[in-house]
Protein backbone atom coordinates (compact mmCIF):
# COMPACT_ATOMS: atom_id res chain seq x y z
CA MET A 1 25.04 4.21 -5.53
CA ARG A 2 22.85 1.11 -5.40
CA ALA A 3 19.18 1.04 -4.47
CA LEU A 4 16.09 -1.14 -4.69
CA VAL A 5 14.15 -0.48 -7.91
CA MET A 6 10.58 -1.66 -8.47
CA ARG A 7 9.41 -2.44 -12.03
CA GLY A 8 6.06 -3.98 -11.16
CA PHE A 9 4.22 -5.47 -8.22
CA GLY A 10 6.51 -8.17 -6.87
CA ASP A 11 9.16 -7.32 -9.47
CA LEU A 12 12.15 -5.64 -7.85
CA ALA A 13 15.95 -5.72 -7.88
CA VAL A 14 18.93 -3.83 -6.51
CA GLU A 15 20.34 -1.59 -9.26
CA GLU A 16 22.69 1.35 -9.83
CA VAL A 17 20.93 4.72 -9.48
CA PRO A 18 22.22 8.32 -9.39
CA ASP A 19 23.75 9.52 -6.14
CA PRO A 20 21.44 11.85 -4.21
CA VAL A 21 22.42 15.52 -3.99
CA PRO A 22 21.07 17.62 -1.12
CA GLY A 23 19.04 20.63 -2.11
CA PRO A 24 18.26 23.63 0.09
CA GLY A 25 17.24 22.46 3.55
CA GLU A 26 18.15 18.82 2.86
CA VAL A 27 20.77 16.33 4.04
CA VAL A 28 22.18 13.13 2.58
CA ILE A 29 22.47 10.17 4.96
CA ASP A 30 24.56 7.02 4.55
CA VAL A 31 22.15 4.23 5.50
CA ALA A 32 23.59 2.00 8.24
CA CYS A 33 20.52 -0.13 8.95
CA VAL A 34 17.05 -0.35 7.39
CA GLN A 35 13.99 -2.53 7.90
CA PRO A 36 10.86 -2.98 5.76
CA SER A 37 7.46 -2.32 7.24
CA VAL A 38 4.61 -4.79 6.79
CA THR A 39 2.66 -2.09 4.94
CA GLU A 40 5.51 -1.62 2.48
CA CYS A 41 5.69 -5.38 1.93
CA MET A 42 1.95 -5.56 1.23
CA LEU A 43 2.07 -2.66 -1.20
CA ILE A 44 5.10 -4.04 -3.06
CA ALA A 45 3.26 -7.34 -3.44
CA GLY A 46 0.21 -5.53 -4.85
CA ALA A 47 -2.20 -5.73 -1.90
CA PRO A 48 -5.12 -3.27 -2.24
CA VAL A 49 -4.37 -1.26 0.89
CA ALA A 50 -3.88 2.50 1.27
CA MET A 51 -1.51 3.97 -1.36
CA HIS A 52 -2.07 1.02 -3.74
CA THR A 53 -3.61 3.16 -6.50
CA VAL A 54 -0.84 5.77 -6.18
CA LEU A 55 1.87 3.13 -6.46
CA ALA A 56 0.09 1.47 -9.40
CA ALA A 57 0.00 4.81 -11.23
CA ARG A 58 3.72 5.31 -10.65
CA LEU A 59 4.53 1.83 -11.93
CA ALA A 60 2.44 2.47 -15.02
CA GLU A 61 4.82 5.32 -15.83
CA GLY A 62 7.92 3.14 -15.45
CA PRO A 63 10.35 1.78 -12.83
CA THR A 64 10.18 3.51 -9.47
CA ARG A 65 11.80 3.51 -6.07
CA PHE A 66 9.48 2.75 -3.19
CA GLY A 67 9.77 2.02 0.54
CA GLY A 68 12.38 2.46 3.22
CA HIS A 69 11.14 4.79 5.96
CA GLU A 70 12.42 2.83 8.98
CA PHE A 71 16.17 3.32 9.08
CA ALA A 72 19.21 4.82 10.78
CA GLY A 73 22.43 6.20 9.37
CA VAL A 74 25.18 8.80 9.42
CA ILE A 75 24.94 12.22 7.78
CA ARG A 76 27.24 12.45 4.76
CA ASP A 77 26.41 15.90 3.37
CA VAL A 78 24.32 18.94 4.28
CA GLY A 79 22.73 21.17 1.67
CA PRO A 80 22.43 24.97 1.82
CA PRO A 81 19.91 26.52 4.21
CA GLY A 82 16.31 26.24 3.12
CA GLU A 83 12.79 26.99 4.24
CA GLY A 84 11.47 25.66 7.53
CA HIS A 85 12.99 25.34 10.96
CA ALA A 86 16.20 23.48 11.65
CA PRO A 87 16.17 20.86 14.41
CA PRO A 88 17.25 22.00 17.90
CA GLY A 89 20.99 22.33 18.50
CA GLY A 90 21.94 24.23 15.35
CA GLY A 91 20.92 21.68 12.77
CA PRO A 92 22.41 18.40 11.54
CA ARG A 93 26.12 18.06 10.76
CA PRO A 94 28.17 15.54 8.78
CA GLY A 95 29.05 12.59 10.98
CA ASP A 96 25.91 12.80 13.13
CA ARG A 97 24.18 9.48 13.84
CA VAL A 98 20.54 9.98 13.00
CA THR A 99 17.19 8.65 11.96
CA ALA A 100 14.46 10.70 10.29
CA VAL A 101 10.75 11.30 10.72
CA GLU A 102 8.95 9.79 7.74
CA THR A 103 6.36 12.55 7.25
CA ALA A 104 7.26 16.17 6.51
CA ALA A 105 4.64 18.89 6.13
CA CYS A 106 5.01 21.12 3.07
CA GLY A 107 5.57 24.26 5.16
CA ARG A 108 3.69 26.48 2.71
CA CYS A 109 -0.03 25.63 2.81
CA ALA A 110 -2.65 27.39 4.95
CA ALA A 111 -2.46 24.72 7.66
CA CYS A 112 1.34 24.90 7.89
CA ARG A 113 1.24 28.73 8.00
CA ARG A 114 -1.09 28.41 10.98
CA ASP A 115 1.34 26.07 12.73
CA ARG A 116 -0.84 23.02 12.11
CA PRO A 117 1.48 20.68 10.14
CA ASP A 118 -0.69 17.73 11.16
CA ALA A 119 -3.39 19.12 8.83
CA CYS A 120 -1.06 19.64 5.85
CA PRO A 121 -2.84 18.30 2.73
CA ARG A 122 0.41 17.71 0.82
CA PRO A 123 2.94 16.12 3.17
CA GLN A 124 6.09 14.49 1.86
CA VAL A 125 6.33 10.86 3.04
CA LEU A 126 9.72 9.20 2.93
CA GLY A 127 9.70 6.02 0.84
CA PHE A 128 6.17 6.71 -0.40
CA SER A 129 6.19 10.09 -2.13
CA THR A 130 10.00 10.35 -2.24
CA PRO A 131 12.76 7.71 -2.54
CA GLY A 132 13.44 6.11 0.82
CA ALA A 133 16.23 4.26 2.57
CA PHE A 134 16.11 1.03 0.55
CA ALA A 135 19.39 2.37 -0.76
CA GLU A 136 22.98 3.04 0.22
CA ARG A 137 22.14 6.73 0.72
CA VAL A 138 18.98 8.74 1.18
CA VAL A 139 18.17 12.45 1.02
CA VAL A 140 15.70 13.87 3.57
CA PRO A 141 14.58 17.33 4.73
CA ALA A 142 16.92 18.58 7.46
CA LYS A 143 13.91 19.44 9.62
CA THR A 144 12.96 15.73 9.81
CA VAL A 145 16.35 14.57 11.11
CA VAL A 146 16.42 13.18 14.66
CA THR A 147 19.73 12.64 16.44
CA VAL A 148 20.23 9.17 17.89
CA PRO A 149 21.46 9.41 21.50
CA ASP A 150 24.50 7.56 22.76
CA GLY A 151 23.64 4.07 23.93
CA VAL A 152 21.11 3.42 21.15
CA SER A 153 22.35 1.12 18.36
CA ALA A 154 21.70 1.53 14.65
CA SER A 155 19.44 -1.53 14.83
CA GLU A 156 17.38 0.01 17.63
CA ALA A 157 17.22 3.39 15.92
CA ALA A 158 16.00 1.77 12.69
CA ALA A 159 13.19 0.16 14.69
CA VAL A 160 12.10 3.32 16.50
CA GLN A 161 9.54 4.57 13.92
CA PRO A 162 6.95 1.91 14.88
CA LEU A 163 7.52 2.80 18.54
CA ALA A 164 6.90 6.46 17.73
CA GLY A 165 3.67 5.29 16.09
CA ALA A 166 2.69 3.58 19.34
CA VAL A 167 3.40 6.80 21.24
CA HIS A 168 1.11 8.65 18.81
CA GLY A 169 -1.60 6.04 19.27
CA HIS A 170 -1.60 6.30 23.05
CA ALA A 171 -1.56 10.10 22.91
CA LEU A 172 -4.53 10.08 20.52
CA ALA A 173 -6.48 7.68 22.72
CA GLY A 174 -5.68 9.74 25.81
CA VAL A 175 -5.14 6.64 27.94
CA ARG A 176 -5.81 7.72 31.52
CA PRO A 177 -4.35 6.19 34.71
CA GLY A 178 -6.05 2.94 35.58
CA GLU A 179 -7.92 2.47 32.30
CA THR A 180 -8.25 -1.00 30.85
CA VAL A 181 -6.34 -1.43 27.59
CA LEU A 182 -6.98 -4.28 25.17
CA VAL A 183 -4.34 -4.92 22.50
CA LEU A 184 -5.54 -7.15 19.66
CA GLY A 185 -2.44 -8.83 18.26
CA ALA A 186 0.93 -9.75 19.74
CA GLY A 187 3.11 -8.95 16.76
CA VAL A 188 5.65 -6.12 16.85
CA MET A 189 3.05 -3.34 16.96
CA GLY A 190 1.01 -5.16 19.56
CA LEU A 191 4.03 -5.71 21.78
CA LEU A 192 5.12 -2.09 21.43
CA HIS A 193 1.65 -0.86 22.37
CA THR A 194 1.70 -3.25 25.33
CA GLN A 195 4.98 -1.84 26.59
CA VAL A 196 3.85 1.76 26.15
CA ALA A 197 0.59 1.00 27.98
CA ARG A 198 2.45 -0.65 30.83
CA ARG A 199 4.88 2.26 31.21
CA GLY A 200 2.16 4.86 30.73
CA GLY A 201 -0.07 4.17 33.70
CA ALA A 202 -2.73 1.90 32.20
CA GLY A 203 -4.57 -0.36 34.60
CA LEU A 204 -5.45 -3.83 33.33
CA VAL A 205 -3.58 -4.61 30.09
CA VAL A 206 -5.06 -7.46 28.04
CA VAL A 207 -3.34 -8.84 24.93
CA THR A 208 -4.49 -11.42 22.39
CA GLY A 209 -2.19 -13.54 20.24
CA ARG A 210 -2.37 -16.52 17.94
CA SER A 211 0.94 -18.19 18.76
CA ALA A 212 2.14 -19.42 22.15
CA ALA A 213 5.54 -17.79 21.59
CA LYS A 214 4.03 -14.36 20.98
CA ARG A 215 1.68 -14.72 23.93
CA ASP A 216 4.72 -15.41 26.10
CA LEU A 217 6.37 -12.26 24.75
CA ALA A 218 3.22 -10.31 25.63
CA ARG A 219 3.49 -11.50 29.22
CA ARG A 220 7.12 -10.42 29.35
CA ALA A 221 6.11 -7.06 27.85
CA GLY A 222 3.88 -6.44 30.86
CA ALA A 223 0.43 -7.76 29.94
CA ASP A 224 -1.73 -8.69 32.93
CA LEU A 225 -3.98 -11.04 30.95
CA VAL A 226 -2.97 -12.83 27.75
CA LEU A 227 -5.62 -14.55 25.64
CA ASP A 228 -5.45 -17.02 22.80
CA ALA A 229 -6.96 -15.21 19.81
CA ALA A 230 -8.76 -18.44 18.90
CA ASP A 231 -10.74 -18.41 22.15
CA ASP A 232 -13.81 -16.33 23.06
CA VAL A 233 -11.98 -13.04 23.50
CA GLU A 234 -15.13 -10.98 23.96
CA ALA A 235 -16.34 -13.14 26.84
CA ALA A 236 -12.92 -13.09 28.51
CA VAL A 237 -12.70 -9.30 28.27
CA ARG A 238 -16.21 -8.86 29.69
CA ASP A 239 -15.37 -11.21 32.53
CA ALA A 240 -12.12 -9.37 33.31
CA THR A 241 -13.86 -5.97 33.37
CA ASP A 242 -17.01 -6.85 35.33
CA GLY A 243 -19.02 -6.72 32.12
CA ILE A 244 -17.98 -3.18 31.19
CA GLY A 245 -15.54 -3.83 28.37
CA ALA A 246 -12.17 -2.26 27.59
CA ASP A 247 -11.74 1.50 27.86
CA VAL A 248 -9.32 1.53 24.93
CA VAL A 249 -8.72 -1.09 22.23
CA PHE A 250 -5.65 -1.02 20.00
CA GLU A 251 -6.34 -3.05 16.87
CA THR A 252 -2.92 -4.19 15.59
CA ALA A 253 -3.77 -7.62 14.16
CA GLY A 254 -5.85 -6.95 11.03
CA GLY A 255 -4.62 -7.07 7.46
CA ALA A 256 -3.91 -9.42 4.59
CA PRO A 257 -4.08 -13.08 5.73
CA ASP A 258 -1.40 -14.08 3.22
CA ALA A 259 0.94 -11.73 5.10
CA GLY A 260 0.21 -13.59 8.34
CA LEU A 261 -2.40 -11.06 9.50
CA ALA A 262 -5.94 -11.57 10.75
CA GLY A 263 -8.06 -10.20 7.91
CA THR A 264 -10.83 -7.72 8.75
CA SER A 265 -12.69 -9.55 11.53
CA THR A 266 -10.58 -7.93 14.25
CA LEU A 267 -12.30 -4.57 13.75
CA ASP A 268 -15.63 -6.22 14.53
CA LEU A 269 -14.04 -7.88 17.57
CA ALA A 270 -12.71 -4.52 18.75
CA ALA A 271 -16.22 -3.03 18.51
CA ARG A 272 -17.65 -5.89 20.57
CA CYS A 273 -14.97 -5.59 23.27
CA VAL A 274 -14.89 -1.82 23.77
CA ARG A 275 -17.04 -0.27 26.48
CA ARG A 276 -19.77 2.26 25.84
CA GLY A 277 -18.07 5.58 25.19
CA GLY A 278 -14.70 3.87 24.73
CA ARG A 279 -12.07 4.34 22.05
CA ILE A 280 -10.73 2.06 19.32
CA VAL A 281 -7.39 2.96 17.76
CA MET A 282 -6.84 1.47 14.31
CA VAL A 283 -3.16 0.58 14.04
CA ALA A 284 -3.55 -2.19 11.45
CA VAL A 285 -3.72 -1.28 7.75
CA LEU A 286 -6.90 -2.80 6.32
CA PRO A 287 -8.03 -2.92 2.68
CA GLU A 288 -9.37 0.35 1.31
CA HIS A 289 -13.00 -0.89 1.42
CA ALA A 290 -12.92 -3.15 4.48
CA PRO A 291 -16.29 -3.68 6.20
CA ALA A 292 -16.83 -1.77 9.43
CA PRO A 293 -19.41 -2.39 12.21
CA LEU A 294 -20.71 1.18 12.12
CA GLY A 295 -24.04 0.32 13.69
CA LEU A 296 -22.41 -1.23 16.74
CA LEU A 297 -19.95 1.64 17.06
CA ARG A 298 -22.80 4.14 16.97
CA GLU A 299 -24.89 2.16 19.45
CA ARG A 300 -21.99 2.18 21.89
CA SER A 301 -20.92 5.76 21.13
CA ALA A 302 -17.44 4.38 20.57
CA ALA A 303 -14.81 6.47 18.82
CA LEU A 304 -12.83 4.96 15.92
CA LEU A 305 -9.45 6.69 15.79
CA HIS A 306 -6.50 6.61 13.39
CA PRO A 307 -3.14 7.74 14.80
CA ARG A 308 -1.16 10.41 13.01
CA SER A 309 2.23 9.86 11.42
CA GLY A 310 5.31 12.01 11.64
CA ALA A 311 7.07 13.82 14.44
CA GLY A 312 4.18 15.20 16.41
CA GLY A 313 4.59 17.35 19.47
CA TYR A 314 3.17 16.79 22.93
CA ALA A 315 5.75 18.72 24.92
CA PRO A 316 7.66 21.92 24.03
CA GLY A 317 11.04 20.22 24.24
CA SER A 318 10.36 16.86 22.64
CA GLY A 319 8.58 15.10 19.81
CA ALA A 320 7.36 11.53 19.46
CA PHE A 321 10.62 10.30 17.93
CA GLU A 322 12.81 11.89 20.60
CA HIS A 323 10.58 10.45 23.31
CA ALA A 324 10.64 6.99 21.69
CA LEU A 325 14.45 7.05 21.52
CA ARG A 326 14.59 7.98 25.21
CA LEU A 327 12.31 5.06 26.07
CA VAL A 328 14.75 2.76 24.26
CA ARG A 329 17.87 4.30 25.79
CA ARG A 330 16.45 4.01 29.31
CA GLY A 331 15.42 0.41 28.74
CA ASP A 332 11.73 1.20 29.27
CA VAL A 333 10.83 -0.33 25.89
CA ASP A 334 12.67 -3.23 24.30
CA VAL A 335 12.88 -3.00 20.52
CA ALA A 336 16.08 -5.03 20.13
CA GLY A 337 14.33 -8.18 21.34
CA LEU A 338 11.83 -7.91 18.49
CA VAL A 339 14.55 -8.18 15.83
CA THR A 340 15.23 -11.84 15.10
CA HIS A 341 16.61 -11.69 11.54
CA ARG A 342 19.50 -9.45 10.48
CA LEU A 343 20.98 -9.63 6.99
CA GLY A 344 24.11 -8.03 5.58
CA GLY A 345 24.53 -5.85 2.51
CA ILE A 346 22.16 -4.00 0.23
CA ASP A 347 21.69 -7.05 -1.99
CA ALA A 348 19.81 -8.66 0.91
CA LEU A 349 16.91 -6.18 0.65
CA PRO A 350 14.66 -8.45 -1.48
CA LYS A 351 15.20 -11.28 1.02
CA ALA A 352 14.40 -8.96 3.93
CA LEU A 353 11.12 -8.03 2.23
CA GLU A 354 10.31 -11.72 1.74
CA ILE A 355 10.98 -12.53 5.40
CA THR A 356 9.00 -9.53 6.66
CA ARG A 357 6.03 -10.29 4.43
CA ASP A 358 5.80 -13.90 5.64
CA LYS A 359 7.34 -13.87 9.10
CA ALA A 360 5.72 -17.12 10.19
CA ALA A 361 7.30 -19.07 7.33
CA HIS A 362 10.74 -17.79 8.27
CA GLY A 363 10.36 -17.94 12.05
CA ALA A 364 10.70 -14.15 12.35
CA LEU A 365 9.08 -12.10 15.06
CA GLY A 366 9.48 -8.67 13.52
CA PRO A 367 10.78 -7.12 10.32
CA ALA A 368 14.08 -8.42 8.98
CA GLN A 369 16.78 -5.78 9.20
CA VAL A 370 19.54 -5.14 6.67
CA ASP A 371 22.89 -3.82 7.90
CA LEU A 372 24.80 -1.80 5.29
CA PHE A 373 27.71 -0.79 7.52
CA ASP A 374 28.71 -0.76 11.20
CA TRP A 375 28.53 2.82 12.41
CA GLU A 376 30.40 1.87 15.58
CA HIS A 377 33.54 1.04 13.57
CA GLN A 378 33.23 3.19 10.46
């Protein structure tokens, strides 16, 4: 099969690689649609964010495959039974339309044996610790497979991982009915958090954005108050909350400026806008040693939270991915409208990475998607 191979930071090409073979408890999936994440784009370019040193060490050993955790496809082959629990419904079968949770606990450590996979110190992360879906086929643990319901397209299913991340963020923050939510940033993650806040019972929802087009999208996503990020956001938030500040702040704007992100100043802004005793959820991926306003956070007794990755469980019959797919199927959250660039064929992967890394230069709203085949007419 063909897959994206990385030989150095910024040095990548689509090449022939061995076909994946499913081991015990694994499945092979034909990739129908895949999209890069901004974090993957930054790491591939060499940005010093989380996982940079791990990727650098791998590249020092030779060519490697990296990235591709946001995807959808059709199961081609199922390996023999293995350790762990199969998904509900008897497990995945060839022909099933699926996506997969990117993070899989090891299943063997002390935390996993105590039914705390969120504390697993050695999780497997698709595209990061194992080859991902920047390829014609990908092998994943069967326990991570999530069936895509009827009515959800491959494009929508490939875009559901960031939405699951937004679900995790809101669960972690414990957004209560009527609370004021401030979303810093009106990119894809900001718009997803806005939609989840609006559907989840938040009170006043305030969103900041740098471009008029994205601010308009924030209004359509359900924001009550939309602010130009270049204005005095702190003053506007204080005015809108009778001087109290936001109960919860989702920081989605920070990151490398050369990737169209806002640098590290947004964390300081979040600390100035949150109320005493409030919560800040860090969605953006900042440099490993980014400055943090710890004194202000302590003075305000504000919590700085980082959402988990992976499936997660908040109800006995559903995980974050299943819930996110239901939100899409019901039309409660629009992910299709955030996809503005769709490319065809695996050879388009380098171009998709280029577009996603510099969306402003290409007029893209969200990640560029690559369609490998049409699962509706396979």
